N, C-alpha and C. Protein backbone atom coordinates (compact mmCIF):
# COMPACT_ATOMS: atom_id res chain seq x y z
N UNK A 1 -12.49 52.62 4.18
CA UNK A 1 -10.94 52.60 4.76
C UNK A 1 -10.61 51.45 5.63
N UNK A 2 -12.22 51.01 6.28
CA UNK A 2 -12.33 49.89 7.23
C UNK A 2 -12.10 48.87 6.63
N UNK A 3 -13.20 48.42 5.52
CA UNK A 3 -12.71 47.47 4.20
C UNK A 3 -11.62 47.09 4.08
N UNK A 4 -10.49 48.22 3.29
CA UNK A 4 -9.52 47.76 3.02
C UNK A 4 -8.68 47.11 3.96
N UNK A 5 -8.53 47.85 5.51
CA UNK A 5 -7.80 47.34 6.41
C UNK A 5 -8.01 45.79 6.60
N UNK A 6 -9.33 45.51 6.54
CA UNK A 6 -9.89 43.84 6.68
C UNK A 6 -9.16 43.16 5.45
N UNK A 7 -9.30 43.67 4.33
CA UNK A 7 -9.12 42.74 3.04
C UNK A 7 -7.46 42.59 3.15
N UNK A 8 -6.78 43.68 3.46
CA UNK A 8 -5.10 43.52 3.93
C UNK A 8 -5.26 42.65 4.91
N UNK A 9 -5.73 42.53 5.95
CA UNK A 9 -5.20 41.98 7.04
C UNK A 9 -5.71 40.19 6.66
N UNK A 10 -6.66 40.05 5.92
CA UNK A 10 -6.87 38.50 5.47
C UNK A 10 -5.52 38.06 4.55
N UNK A 11 -5.17 38.96 4.04
CA UNK A 11 -4.07 38.78 2.88
C UNK A 11 -2.95 38.38 3.31
N UNK A 12 -2.65 39.23 4.48
CA UNK A 12 -1.39 38.83 5.18
C UNK A 12 -1.75 37.57 5.82
N UNK A 13 -2.24 37.36 6.49
CA UNK A 13 -2.80 36.02 7.77
C UNK A 13 -3.00 34.50 6.35
N UNK A 14 -3.41 34.91 4.96
CA UNK A 14 -3.90 33.97 4.34
C UNK A 14 -2.54 32.74 4.37
N UNK A 15 -1.45 32.90 4.58
CA UNK A 15 -0.56 31.86 4.38
C UNK A 15 -0.45 31.13 5.29
N UNK A 16 -0.63 31.89 6.48
CA UNK A 16 -0.28 31.47 7.97
C UNK A 16 -1.52 30.30 7.99
N UNK A 17 -3.00 30.92 7.46
CA UNK A 17 -4.08 29.78 7.50
C UNK A 17 -3.62 28.58 6.43
N UNK A 18 -3.15 28.65 5.46
CA UNK A 18 -2.78 27.71 4.36
C UNK A 18 -1.85 26.54 4.67
N UNK A 19 -0.69 27.22 5.99
CA UNK A 19 -0.30 26.24 6.41
C UNK A 19 -0.66 25.68 7.68
N UNK A 20 -1.43 26.18 8.02
CA UNK A 20 -2.01 25.35 9.42
C UNK A 20 -3.08 24.38 8.69
N UNK A 21 -3.54 24.30 7.63
CA UNK A 21 -4.58 23.17 7.10
C UNK A 21 -3.66 22.39 5.90
N UNK A 22 -2.55 22.50 6.09
CA UNK A 22 -1.25 22.07 5.24
C UNK A 22 -1.57 20.19 5.78
N UNK A 23 -1.88 19.16 4.81
CA UNK A 23 -1.91 17.90 5.03
C UNK A 23 -0.72 17.14 6.13
N UNK A 24 -0.88 16.29 6.83
CA UNK A 24 -0.57 15.79 7.56
C UNK A 24 -0.50 14.17 7.22
N UNK A 25 0.93 13.76 7.46
CA UNK A 25 0.85 12.25 7.56
C UNK A 25 0.05 11.46 8.25
N UNK A 26 -0.76 10.42 7.51
CA UNK A 26 -2.07 9.50 7.97
C UNK A 26 -1.58 8.33 7.89
N UNK A 27 -2.53 7.28 8.52
CA UNK A 27 -2.28 6.01 8.27
C UNK A 27 -3.77 5.64 7.94
N UNK A 28 -3.76 4.57 7.02
CA UNK A 28 -5.01 4.10 6.30
C UNK A 28 -6.02 3.21 7.48
N UNK A 29 -6.96 2.83 7.08
CA UNK A 29 -7.99 2.33 7.95
C UNK A 29 -7.50 0.60 8.41
N UNK A 30 -7.53 0.37 9.43
CA UNK A 30 -7.05 -0.76 9.97
C UNK A 30 -7.61 -2.38 9.13
N UNK A 31 -8.57 -2.05 8.58
CA UNK A 31 -9.29 -2.92 8.05
C UNK A 31 -10.00 -2.76 6.96
N UNK A 32 -9.56 -3.10 5.48
CA UNK A 32 -9.99 -2.35 4.73
C UNK A 32 -9.41 -3.86 3.12
N UNK A 33 -9.93 -3.71 2.27
CA UNK A 33 -9.84 -4.71 0.79
C UNK A 33 -9.58 -3.79 -0.30
N UNK A 34 -9.01 -4.25 -1.12
CA UNK A 34 -9.00 -3.75 -2.38
C UNK A 34 -8.38 -4.41 -3.60
N UNK A 35 -7.77 -3.62 -4.76
CA UNK A 35 -7.24 -4.42 -5.82
C UNK A 35 -5.98 -3.36 -6.35
N UNK A 36 -4.97 -4.05 -6.64
CA UNK A 36 -4.01 -2.94 -7.09
C UNK A 36 -3.30 -3.66 -8.78
N UNK A 37 -2.61 -2.77 -9.50
CA UNK A 37 -2.02 -3.17 -10.62
C UNK A 37 -0.78 -2.46 -9.90
N UNK A 38 0.25 -3.58 -10.47
CA UNK A 38 1.74 -3.14 -10.45
C UNK A 38 2.63 -3.27 -11.73
N UNK A 39 3.24 -2.69 -12.16
CA UNK A 39 3.99 -2.88 -12.95
C UNK A 39 5.53 -2.37 -13.21
N UNK A 40 6.45 -2.70 -13.74
CA UNK A 40 7.94 -2.34 -13.93
C UNK A 40 8.78 -2.65 -15.40
N UNK A 41 9.32 -1.17 -15.94
CA UNK A 41 9.63 -1.84 -16.83
C UNK A 41 10.52 -2.48 -17.31
N UNK A 42 11.80 -2.30 -16.03
CA UNK A 42 13.14 -2.85 -16.35
C UNK A 42 13.24 -4.34 -16.26
N UNK A 43 12.62 -4.84 -15.77
CA UNK A 43 12.63 -6.39 -15.55
C UNK A 43 11.35 -7.09 -16.45
N UNK A 44 10.27 -6.30 -16.96
CA UNK A 44 9.40 -6.69 -17.77
C UNK A 44 8.34 -7.36 -16.54
N UNK A 45 7.76 -6.78 -15.83
CA UNK A 45 6.75 -7.73 -14.85
C UNK A 45 5.39 -6.65 -14.62
N UNK A 46 4.83 -7.20 -14.68
CA UNK A 46 3.01 -6.61 -14.56
C UNK A 46 2.59 -7.71 -13.53
N UNK A 47 1.08 -7.33 -12.76
CA UNK A 47 0.48 -7.93 -12.04
C UNK A 47 -0.99 -7.58 -11.61
N UNK A 48 -1.75 -7.86 -11.40
CA UNK A 48 -2.92 -7.40 -11.14
C UNK A 48 -3.29 -8.29 -9.77
N UNK A 49 -4.03 -7.86 -8.66
CA UNK A 49 -4.22 -8.43 -7.43
C UNK A 49 -5.37 -7.89 -6.75
N UNK A 50 -5.81 -9.03 -5.88
CA UNK A 50 -6.46 -8.31 -4.48
C UNK A 50 -6.06 -9.12 -3.50
N UNK A 51 -6.69 -8.12 -2.53
CA UNK A 51 -5.55 -8.19 -1.36
C UNK A 51 -6.70 -7.66 -0.11
N UNK A 52 -6.72 -8.10 1.04
CA UNK A 52 -7.31 -8.08 2.55
C UNK A 52 -6.41 -7.50 3.36
N UNK A 53 -6.62 -6.64 4.16
CA UNK A 53 -5.66 -5.94 4.94
C UNK A 53 -5.95 -5.66 6.53
N UNK A 54 -5.53 -6.16 7.47
CA UNK A 54 -6.04 -6.50 8.98
C UNK A 54 -4.73 -5.85 9.67
N UNK A 55 -4.65 -4.66 9.62
CA UNK A 55 -3.33 -3.93 10.76
C UNK A 55 -3.93 -4.35 12.03
N UNK A 56 -5.40 -4.53 12.78
CA UNK A 56 -5.48 -4.85 14.16
C UNK A 56 -4.63 -6.03 14.62
N UNK A 57 -4.55 -7.09 13.90
CA UNK A 57 -3.91 -8.20 14.19
C UNK A 57 -2.69 -8.90 13.16
N UNK A 58 -2.45 -7.57 12.02
CA UNK A 58 -1.10 -7.63 11.49
C UNK A 58 -1.12 -8.79 10.55
N UNK A 59 -2.19 -8.80 10.12
CA UNK A 59 -2.34 -10.03 8.94
C UNK A 59 -2.76 -9.37 7.57
N UNK A 60 -2.13 -10.07 6.58
CA UNK A 60 -2.25 -9.54 5.09
C UNK A 60 -2.51 -11.00 4.04
N UNK A 61 -3.31 -10.90 3.21
CA UNK A 61 -3.73 -11.96 2.25
C UNK A 61 -3.97 -10.98 0.71
N UNK A 62 -2.72 -12.05 0.15
CA UNK A 62 -2.83 -11.19 -1.25
C UNK A 62 -2.89 -12.51 -2.65
N UNK A 63 -3.58 -12.25 -3.37
CA UNK A 63 -3.79 -13.18 -4.58
C UNK A 63 -3.32 -12.23 -5.75
N UNK A 64 -2.38 -13.16 -6.67
CA UNK A 64 -2.35 -11.95 -7.62
C UNK A 64 -2.01 -13.19 -9.18
N UNK A 65 -1.94 -12.42 -9.93
CA UNK A 65 -1.74 -12.89 -11.17
C UNK A 65 -0.97 -11.89 -12.15
N UNK A 66 -0.04 -12.47 -13.02
CA UNK A 66 0.52 -11.25 -13.70
C UNK A 66 1.46 -12.23 -14.59
N UNK A 67 2.73 -11.32 -15.21
CA UNK A 67 3.37 -12.04 -16.26
C UNK A 67 4.74 -11.62 -16.04
N UNK A 68 6.00 -12.35 -16.04
CA UNK A 68 7.24 -11.90 -15.78
C UNK A 68 8.27 -12.68 -16.35
N UNK A 69 8.97 -11.35 -17.36
CA UNK A 69 9.90 -11.79 -18.30
C UNK A 69 9.10 -12.69 -19.29
N UNK A 70 7.86 -12.85 -19.56
CA UNK A 70 7.13 -13.32 -20.53
C UNK A 70 6.57 -14.96 -20.02
N UNK A 71 6.54 -14.90 -18.61
CA UNK A 71 6.24 -16.22 -18.12
C UNK A 71 4.97 -15.92 -16.98
N UNK A 72 3.66 -16.60 -17.31
CA UNK A 72 2.68 -16.15 -16.40
C UNK A 72 3.14 -16.62 -15.50
N UNK A 73 2.39 -16.33 -13.79
CA UNK A 73 2.33 -16.51 -12.63
C UNK A 73 1.25 -16.28 -11.68
N UNK A 74 1.24 -16.70 -10.65
CA UNK A 74 0.02 -16.65 -9.77
C UNK A 74 0.75 -16.87 -8.41
N UNK A 75 -0.26 -16.26 -7.52
CA UNK A 75 0.36 -15.99 -6.03
C UNK A 75 -0.91 -16.12 -5.17
N UNK A 76 -0.84 -16.90 -4.07
CA UNK A 76 -2.27 -16.76 -3.20
C UNK A 76 -1.12 -16.79 -1.74
N UNK A 77 -0.95 -15.81 -1.21
CA UNK A 77 0.23 -15.62 0.22
C UNK A 77 -0.78 -15.03 1.27
N UNK A 78 -0.45 -15.65 2.11
CA UNK A 78 -1.20 -14.96 3.73
C UNK A 78 -0.32 -14.74 4.45
N UNK A 79 0.02 -13.73 4.91
CA UNK A 79 1.27 -13.40 6.00
C UNK A 79 0.52 -12.87 7.22
N UNK A 80 1.23 -14.02 7.91
CA UNK A 80 0.35 -13.72 9.77
C UNK A 80 1.50 -13.01 10.47
N UNK A 81 1.87 -11.78 10.32
CA UNK A 81 2.80 -11.52 11.25
C UNK A 81 3.05 -11.62 12.76
N UNK A 82 2.26 -11.85 13.57
CA UNK A 82 2.27 -11.68 15.02
C UNK A 82 2.74 -13.54 15.21
N UNK A 83 1.97 -14.31 14.38
CA UNK A 83 2.39 -15.51 14.38
C UNK A 83 3.89 -16.09 13.92
N UNK A 84 4.26 -14.96 13.05
CA UNK A 84 5.76 -15.16 12.22
C UNK A 84 5.76 -16.00 11.36
N UNK A 85 4.36 -16.37 10.51
CA UNK A 85 4.22 -17.55 9.87
C UNK A 85 3.87 -16.45 8.23
N UNK A 86 3.97 -17.50 7.27
CA UNK A 86 4.01 -17.14 6.02
C UNK A 86 3.53 -18.18 5.18
N UNK A 87 2.26 -18.58 4.34
CA UNK A 87 1.74 -19.41 3.25
C UNK A 87 1.42 -19.29 2.18
N UNK A 88 2.68 -20.12 1.31
CA UNK A 88 2.05 -19.81 0.24
C UNK A 88 1.13 -21.07 -0.12
N UNK A 89 -0.06 -20.49 -0.70
CA UNK A 89 -1.04 -21.70 -1.04
C UNK A 89 -1.25 -22.24 -2.48
N UNK A 90 -1.74 -23.26 -2.60
CA UNK A 90 -1.78 -23.90 -4.27
C UNK A 90 -3.26 -24.39 -4.24
N UNK A 91 -4.63 -23.94 -4.08
CA UNK A 91 -5.82 -24.48 -3.87
C UNK A 91 -5.99 -25.72 -5.16
N UNK A 92 -5.69 -25.35 -6.40
CA UNK A 92 -5.71 -26.40 -7.05
C UNK A 92 -5.27 -27.77 -7.03
N UNK A 93 -4.02 -27.64 -6.21
CA UNK A 93 -3.31 -28.86 -5.89
C UNK A 93 -3.50 -29.44 -4.57
N UNK A 94 -4.02 -28.42 -3.97
CA UNK A 94 -4.51 -28.87 -2.68
C UNK A 94 -2.78 -28.78 -1.61
N UNK A 95 -2.12 -27.89 -1.72
CA UNK A 95 -0.91 -28.02 -1.12
C UNK A 95 -0.25 -26.31 -0.55
N UNK A 96 0.43 -26.58 0.33
CA UNK A 96 0.64 -25.37 1.10
C UNK A 96 2.33 -25.48 1.30
N UNK A 97 2.88 -24.45 1.41
CA UNK A 97 4.47 -24.15 1.86
C UNK A 97 3.97 -23.23 3.14
N UNK A 98 4.18 -23.56 3.90
CA UNK A 98 4.69 -22.81 5.20
C UNK A 98 5.86 -22.66 5.71
N UNK A 99 6.26 -21.18 5.89
CA UNK A 99 7.53 -20.55 6.29
C UNK A 99 7.34 -19.54 7.47
N UNK A 100 8.81 -19.54 8.15
CA UNK A 100 8.81 -18.88 9.41
C UNK A 100 9.32 -17.56 8.55
N UNK A 101 8.52 -16.46 9.09
CA UNK A 101 8.38 -15.27 8.46
C UNK A 101 9.14 -14.05 9.58
N UNK A 102 10.37 -13.68 9.38
CA UNK A 102 11.33 -12.90 9.89
C UNK A 102 11.30 -11.36 9.88
N UNK A 103 10.43 -10.89 10.03
CA UNK A 103 9.97 -9.88 9.58
C UNK A 103 8.96 -9.06 10.28
N UNK A 104 8.97 -7.84 10.42
CA UNK A 104 8.51 -6.84 11.09
C UNK A 104 6.88 -6.45 10.46
N UNK A 105 5.83 -6.25 10.93
CA UNK A 105 4.29 -5.79 10.12
C UNK A 105 4.83 -4.16 10.08
N UNK A 106 4.57 -3.81 8.71
CA UNK A 106 4.54 -2.68 8.43
C UNK A 106 3.16 -1.93 7.91
N UNK A 107 2.52 -1.06 8.78
CA UNK A 107 1.29 -0.67 8.40
C UNK A 107 1.37 0.60 7.53
N UNK A 108 0.15 0.04 6.26
CA UNK A 108 -0.03 1.20 5.31
C UNK A 108 -0.37 2.57 5.96
N UNK A 109 0.44 3.43 5.55
CA UNK A 109 0.92 4.82 6.13
C UNK A 109 1.72 5.57 5.14
N UNK A 110 1.47 6.76 5.46
CA UNK A 110 2.14 7.79 5.11
C UNK A 110 3.52 7.88 5.96
N UNK A 111 4.75 7.79 5.76
CA UNK A 111 5.83 7.92 6.63
C UNK A 111 5.68 8.90 7.44
N UNK A 112 5.97 9.05 8.58
CA UNK A 112 6.25 10.38 9.18
C UNK A 112 6.97 11.16 8.97
N UNK A 113 8.35 10.51 8.10
CA UNK A 113 9.05 11.60 7.58
C UNK A 113 8.87 12.30 5.93
N UNK A 114 7.62 11.60 5.97
CA UNK A 114 7.73 11.80 4.26
C UNK A 114 7.45 13.92 4.15
N UNK A 115 7.77 14.29 2.91
CA UNK A 115 7.23 15.35 2.68
C UNK A 115 6.07 15.67 1.88
N UNK A 116 5.27 16.40 1.91
CA UNK A 116 4.02 16.75 1.51
C UNK A 116 4.61 17.67 0.01
N UNK A 117 3.93 17.01 -0.79
CA UNK A 117 4.25 17.56 -2.23
C UNK A 117 3.18 18.15 -2.78
N UNK A 118 1.71 17.78 -2.86
CA UNK A 118 1.14 18.34 -3.44
C UNK A 118 -0.77 17.83 -3.25
N UNK A 119 -1.76 18.71 -3.52
CA UNK A 119 -3.22 18.04 -2.99
C UNK A 119 -3.90 18.64 -4.29
N UNK A 120 -4.39 17.78 -5.06
CA UNK A 120 -5.12 17.76 -6.43
C UNK A 120 -6.46 16.94 -6.19
N UNK A 121 -7.21 17.13 -7.24
CA UNK A 121 -8.43 16.81 -7.45
C UNK A 121 -8.62 15.77 -8.75
N UNK A 122 -8.68 14.24 -8.54
CA UNK A 122 -8.94 13.21 -9.61
C UNK A 122 -10.40 13.34 -9.82
N UNK A 123 -10.69 13.66 -11.41
CA UNK A 123 -12.02 14.00 -11.81
C UNK A 123 -12.50 15.19 -11.89
N UNK A 124 -13.45 15.89 -11.38
CA UNK A 124 -13.72 17.26 -11.24
C UNK A 124 -14.49 17.91 -9.60
N UNK A 125 -14.06 18.94 -9.45
CA UNK A 125 -14.79 19.37 -8.09
C UNK A 125 -15.90 20.18 -8.71
N UNK A 126 -16.57 20.54 -10.03
CA UNK A 126 -17.41 21.05 -10.18
C UNK A 126 -18.71 20.92 -10.19
N UNK A 127 -19.15 19.22 -9.82
CA UNK A 127 -20.14 18.59 -9.53
C UNK A 127 -20.16 18.01 -8.23
N UNK A 128 -20.60 17.83 -7.21
CA UNK A 128 -20.47 17.28 -5.86
C UNK A 128 -20.33 15.42 -6.37
N UNK A 129 -19.52 15.07 -5.77
CA UNK A 129 -19.85 13.52 -5.88
C UNK A 129 -18.85 12.80 -7.13
N UNK A 130 -18.14 13.99 -7.86
CA UNK A 130 -17.46 13.63 -9.37
C UNK A 130 -15.90 14.01 -8.78
N UNK A 131 -15.45 14.04 -7.69
CA UNK A 131 -13.95 14.21 -7.53
C UNK A 131 -13.51 13.71 -6.51
N UNK A 132 -12.22 13.38 -6.37
CA UNK A 132 -11.33 12.72 -5.29
C UNK A 132 -10.13 13.60 -4.95
N UNK A 133 -10.70 13.76 -3.79
CA UNK A 133 -9.39 14.78 -3.03
C UNK A 133 -8.37 13.82 -2.60
N UNK A 134 -7.28 14.15 -3.25
CA UNK A 134 -5.76 13.47 -2.94
C UNK A 134 -4.62 14.12 -2.44
N UNK A 135 -3.86 13.67 -1.77
CA UNK A 135 -2.57 14.09 -1.14
C UNK A 135 -1.43 13.27 -1.79
N UNK A 136 -0.33 14.15 -2.20
CA UNK A 136 1.04 13.10 -3.16
C UNK A 136 2.04 13.72 -1.69
N UNK A 137 2.75 12.53 -1.89
CA UNK A 137 3.77 12.64 -0.56
C UNK A 137 5.29 11.95 -1.28
N UNK A 138 6.08 12.31 -0.75
CA UNK A 138 7.31 11.55 -1.12
C UNK A 138 8.57 11.61 -0.19
N UNK A 139 9.65 10.95 -0.25
CA UNK A 139 10.54 10.68 0.18
C UNK A 139 11.37 9.44 0.38
N UNK A 140 12.62 9.36 1.17
CA UNK A 140 13.69 8.42 1.18
C UNK A 140 13.50 7.32 1.88
N UNK A 141 13.76 5.90 1.53
CA UNK A 141 13.48 4.70 1.92
C UNK A 141 15.04 4.29 2.49
N UNK A 142 15.46 3.91 3.69
CA UNK A 142 16.68 4.06 4.36
C UNK A 142 16.54 2.55 5.16
N UNK A 143 16.72 1.64 4.76
CA UNK A 143 16.48 0.23 5.46
C UNK A 143 17.14 -0.37 5.38
N UNK A 144 17.63 -1.68 6.10
CA UNK A 144 18.45 -2.65 6.09
C UNK A 144 18.54 -3.37 4.47
N UNK A 145 17.37 -3.48 3.76
CA UNK A 145 17.13 -4.03 2.59
C UNK A 145 17.98 -2.94 1.38
N UNK A 146 18.00 -1.59 1.93
CA UNK A 146 18.72 -0.88 0.59
C UNK A 146 18.08 0.55 0.66
N UNK A 147 18.42 1.43 0.02
CA UNK A 147 17.89 2.61 0.08
C UNK A 147 16.93 2.72 -1.30
N UNK A 148 16.25 3.73 -1.36
CA UNK A 148 15.21 4.07 -2.35
C UNK A 148 14.60 5.36 -2.27
N UNK A 149 13.62 5.47 -3.18
CA UNK A 149 12.55 6.45 -3.46
C UNK A 149 11.39 6.48 -3.46
N UNK A 150 10.21 7.16 -3.17
CA UNK A 150 8.80 6.80 -3.35
C UNK A 150 8.03 8.10 -3.28
N UNK A 151 7.38 7.86 -4.54
CA UNK A 151 6.08 9.25 -4.27
C UNK A 151 4.61 8.30 -4.16
N UNK A 152 4.28 8.69 -3.14
CA UNK A 152 2.58 8.18 -3.08
C UNK A 152 1.32 9.06 -2.80
N UNK A 153 0.46 8.52 -3.45
CA UNK A 153 -0.99 9.39 -3.26
C UNK A 153 -1.90 8.63 -2.34
N UNK A 154 -2.19 9.44 -1.45
CA UNK A 154 -3.36 9.14 -0.80
C UNK A 154 -4.59 9.83 -0.49
N UNK A 155 -5.61 9.33 -0.31
CA UNK A 155 -7.05 10.28 -0.29
C UNK A 155 -7.00 10.76 0.86
N UNK A 156 -7.68 12.23 0.88
CA UNK A 156 -7.50 13.13 1.60
C UNK A 156 -8.45 12.61 3.02
N UNK A 157 -9.77 12.21 2.67
CA UNK A 157 -10.69 11.52 3.50
C UNK A 157 -10.05 9.97 3.27
N UNK A 158 -10.11 9.13 4.83
CA UNK A 158 -9.95 7.84 4.88
C UNK A 158 -8.47 7.47 4.71
N UNK A 159 -7.74 8.34 3.96
CA UNK A 159 -6.24 8.05 3.71
C UNK A 159 -5.99 6.61 3.04
N UNK A 160 -6.85 6.61 2.35
CA UNK A 160 -6.37 5.23 1.32
C UNK A 160 -5.70 5.59 0.14
N UNK A 161 -4.83 4.42 0.00
CA UNK A 161 -3.76 4.21 -1.27
C UNK A 161 -4.30 4.30 -2.49
N UNK A 162 -3.79 5.69 -3.42
CA UNK A 162 -4.31 5.69 -4.65
C UNK A 162 -3.37 5.23 -5.52
N UNK A 163 -1.96 5.57 -5.25
CA UNK A 163 -1.16 5.27 -6.28
C UNK A 163 0.33 5.43 -5.56
N UNK A 164 1.08 4.73 -6.64
CA UNK A 164 2.96 5.09 -5.90
C UNK A 164 3.48 4.73 -6.64
N UNK A 165 4.75 5.60 -6.66
CA UNK A 165 5.77 5.18 -7.67
C UNK A 165 6.96 5.10 -6.83
N UNK A 166 8.04 3.93 -6.92
CA UNK A 166 9.10 3.53 -5.97
C UNK A 166 10.31 3.37 -7.10
N UNK A 167 11.31 3.84 -6.17
CA UNK A 167 12.61 3.85 -7.16
C UNK A 167 13.58 2.93 -6.26
N UNK A 168 13.96 1.73 -6.51
CA UNK A 168 14.61 1.04 -5.64
C UNK A 168 16.34 1.07 -6.14
N UNK A 169 16.95 0.38 -5.01
CA UNK A 169 18.08 0.68 -5.07
C UNK A 169 18.72 -0.19 -6.29
N UNK A 170 18.29 -0.85 -6.97
CA UNK A 170 19.04 -1.47 -7.87
C UNK A 170 18.48 -0.87 -9.60
N UNK A 171 18.15 0.20 -9.16
CA UNK A 171 17.76 1.26 -10.14
C UNK A 171 16.68 0.61 -11.18
N UNK A 172 15.58 0.23 -10.15
CA UNK A 172 13.83 0.04 -10.96
C UNK A 172 13.20 1.03 -10.43
N UNK A 173 11.99 1.20 -11.52
CA UNK A 173 10.94 2.13 -11.02
C UNK A 173 9.84 1.17 -11.04
N UNK A 174 8.90 1.38 -9.72
CA UNK A 174 7.89 0.57 -9.90
C UNK A 174 6.75 1.23 -9.64
N UNK A 175 5.64 0.76 -10.66
CA UNK A 175 4.74 1.61 -10.52
C UNK A 175 3.25 0.79 -9.82
N UNK A 176 2.67 1.47 -8.91
CA UNK A 176 1.34 0.58 -8.28
C UNK A 176 0.14 1.71 -8.56
N UNK A 177 -0.65 0.87 -9.02
CA UNK A 177 -2.08 1.84 -8.82
C UNK A 177 -3.16 0.87 -7.69
N UNK A 178 -4.09 1.35 -6.90
CA UNK A 178 -4.59 0.95 -6.06
C UNK A 178 -6.34 1.02 -6.87
N UNK A 179 -7.13 0.60 -6.49
CA UNK A 179 -8.44 0.96 -6.63
C UNK A 179 -9.33 -0.38 -6.15
N UNK A 180 -10.59 0.31 -6.25
CA UNK A 180 -11.65 -0.79 -5.91
C UNK A 180 -11.70 -0.91 -4.11
N UNK A 181 -11.28 -0.09 -3.43
CA UNK A 181 -10.83 -0.13 -2.09
C UNK A 181 -12.52 -0.61 -1.33
N UNK A 182 -12.63 -1.13 -0.34
CA UNK A 182 -13.74 -1.58 0.27
C UNK A 182 -13.35 -1.47 1.84
N UNK A 183 -13.86 -0.55 2.57
CA UNK A 183 -13.29 -0.61 4.03
C UNK A 183 -14.06 -1.83 4.88
N UNK A 184 -13.37 -2.38 5.69
CA UNK A 184 -14.17 -3.77 6.28
C UNK A 184 -13.55 -4.66 5.49
N UNK A 185 -13.80 -6.01 6.17
CA UNK A 185 -13.45 -7.05 5.34
C UNK A 185 -14.80 -8.08 5.64
N UNK A 186 -15.25 -8.68 4.12
CA UNK A 186 -16.15 -9.35 3.79
C UNK A 186 -16.42 -10.67 4.51
N UNK A 187 -14.91 -11.42 4.33
CA UNK A 187 -14.77 -12.32 5.16
C UNK A 187 -13.68 -13.01 6.17
N UNK A 188 -14.37 -12.99 7.11
CA UNK A 188 -12.72 -13.37 8.37
C UNK A 188 -12.18 -14.55 7.78
N UNK A 189 -12.59 -15.27 7.28
CA UNK A 189 -11.86 -16.83 6.53
C UNK A 189 -10.87 -16.67 5.87
N UNK A 190 -10.58 -15.10 5.17
CA UNK A 190 -9.42 -14.93 4.17
C UNK A 190 -8.10 -14.98 5.11
N UNK A 191 -8.15 -14.82 6.30
CA UNK A 191 -6.82 -14.69 7.12
C UNK A 191 -6.67 -16.04 7.93
N UNK A 192 -7.60 -17.38 7.34
CA UNK A 192 -7.38 -18.18 8.24
C UNK A 192 -6.79 -19.08 7.05
N UNK A 193 -5.94 -20.14 7.12
CA UNK A 193 -5.07 -21.01 6.29
C UNK A 193 -6.37 -22.18 6.30
N UNK A 194 -6.22 -22.65 4.82
CA UNK A 194 -7.21 -23.86 4.46
C UNK A 194 -6.69 -24.90 5.26
N UNK A 195 -7.68 -25.85 5.34
CA UNK A 195 -7.51 -27.44 5.94
C UNK A 195 -6.15 -27.92 5.79
N UNK A 196 -5.93 -27.94 4.40
CA UNK A 196 -4.78 -28.75 4.09
C UNK A 196 -3.31 -28.11 4.51
N UNK A 197 -3.24 -26.95 4.87
CA UNK A 197 -1.93 -26.87 5.38
C UNK A 197 -1.76 -26.88 6.77
N UNK A 198 -2.75 -27.50 7.74
CA UNK A 198 -2.91 -27.76 8.89
C UNK A 198 -1.10 -28.69 9.53
N UNK A 199 -1.00 -29.37 8.39
CA UNK A 199 0.27 -30.63 8.73
C UNK A 199 1.48 -29.90 7.92
N UNK A 200 1.26 -28.74 7.41
CA UNK A 200 2.41 -28.37 6.61
C UNK A 200 3.24 -28.13 7.67
N UNK A 201 4.56 -28.41 7.42
CA UNK A 201 6.04 -28.29 8.19
C UNK A 201 6.80 -26.81 7.99
N UNK A 202 6.86 -26.01 9.16
CA UNK A 202 7.66 -24.97 8.73
C UNK A 202 8.86 -24.66 7.94
N UNK A 203 9.16 -23.97 7.24
CA UNK A 203 10.48 -24.36 6.49
C UNK A 203 10.85 -22.73 6.77
N UNK A 204 12.18 -22.90 6.27
CA UNK A 204 12.98 -21.51 6.24
C UNK A 204 12.38 -20.43 5.58
N UNK A 205 12.42 -19.02 6.19
CA UNK A 205 11.61 -18.19 5.15
C UNK A 205 12.89 -17.58 4.02
N UNK A 206 12.63 -18.01 2.92
CA UNK A 206 13.59 -18.11 1.85
C UNK A 206 13.31 -16.68 1.00
N UNK A 207 12.35 -15.94 1.65
CA UNK A 207 12.00 -14.45 0.81
C UNK A 207 12.44 -13.60 2.22
N UNK A 208 13.77 -14.02 2.90
CA UNK A 208 13.75 -13.05 4.14
C UNK A 208 13.87 -11.79 3.50
N UNK A 209 12.98 -10.79 4.79
CA UNK A 209 13.25 -9.50 4.31
C UNK A 209 11.62 -9.18 3.87
N UNK A 210 10.57 -10.05 3.24
CA UNK A 210 9.62 -9.82 2.90
C UNK A 210 8.52 -9.00 3.88
N UNK A 211 8.34 -7.89 3.73
CA UNK A 211 7.22 -7.36 4.64
C UNK A 211 6.00 -6.93 4.44
N UNK A 212 5.76 -6.68 2.83
CA UNK A 212 4.51 -6.30 2.34
C UNK A 212 4.07 -6.52 1.05
N UNK A 213 3.10 -6.29 0.60
CA UNK A 213 2.91 -6.86 -0.58
C UNK A 213 3.68 -6.25 -1.96
N UNK A 214 3.99 -5.42 -1.90
CA UNK A 214 5.21 -4.88 -2.88
C UNK A 214 6.23 -5.96 -2.76
N UNK A 215 7.05 -6.06 -1.78
CA UNK A 215 8.14 -7.24 -1.88
C UNK A 215 7.62 -8.97 -2.53
N UNK A 216 6.33 -9.18 -2.13
CA UNK A 216 5.74 -10.37 -2.40
C UNK A 216 6.14 -10.40 -4.12
N UNK A 217 5.21 -9.31 -4.68
CA UNK A 217 5.34 -9.07 -6.02
C UNK A 217 6.45 -8.98 -6.88
N UNK A 218 7.56 -8.78 -6.24
CA UNK A 218 8.84 -8.54 -6.87
C UNK A 218 9.61 -10.07 -6.54
């Protein structure tokens, strides 16, 4: 009879325990690097990129290559938010376009307003080291640039991005996959403009509103 009492008590308390362990919005590590693949069907865009992310100093460096409407492209973009500058770098021609950046830095994180959707294991949990526990979140984006919706997955440990699906105001679906994440920065020079950018004149920010690498790729 005592055993039945404890079993019943545990079953009644279980929902509260699960609720207490419910994942909460988190922020990615302040320094890390990685790769991503982005695509959208509506405008025939795909791109692969490597990026370096520094939340301490609000810096982002992205190099990508891809195809847009059957035309190839490549970017090398350095964004220094604290200095309010964006560099479009061309190493082959030793040229640099320097623009005033009129945007705030947006850290990589699960928005506090996001709603928790599910927790799953990528791979298998049957054997240690062969599964990745990820949390999926969804929500709405309401900013001056327009409204949209998103579904994003982050790792339970470290809160690193895994994938994202974004629905934009102009009715486009953008899919992003993150991989090869590396904690830390291998070379601080990634965030220093090359010497040939020194004499570049600051131009007006023709990309007004660009705040992260999702915007750059568009």
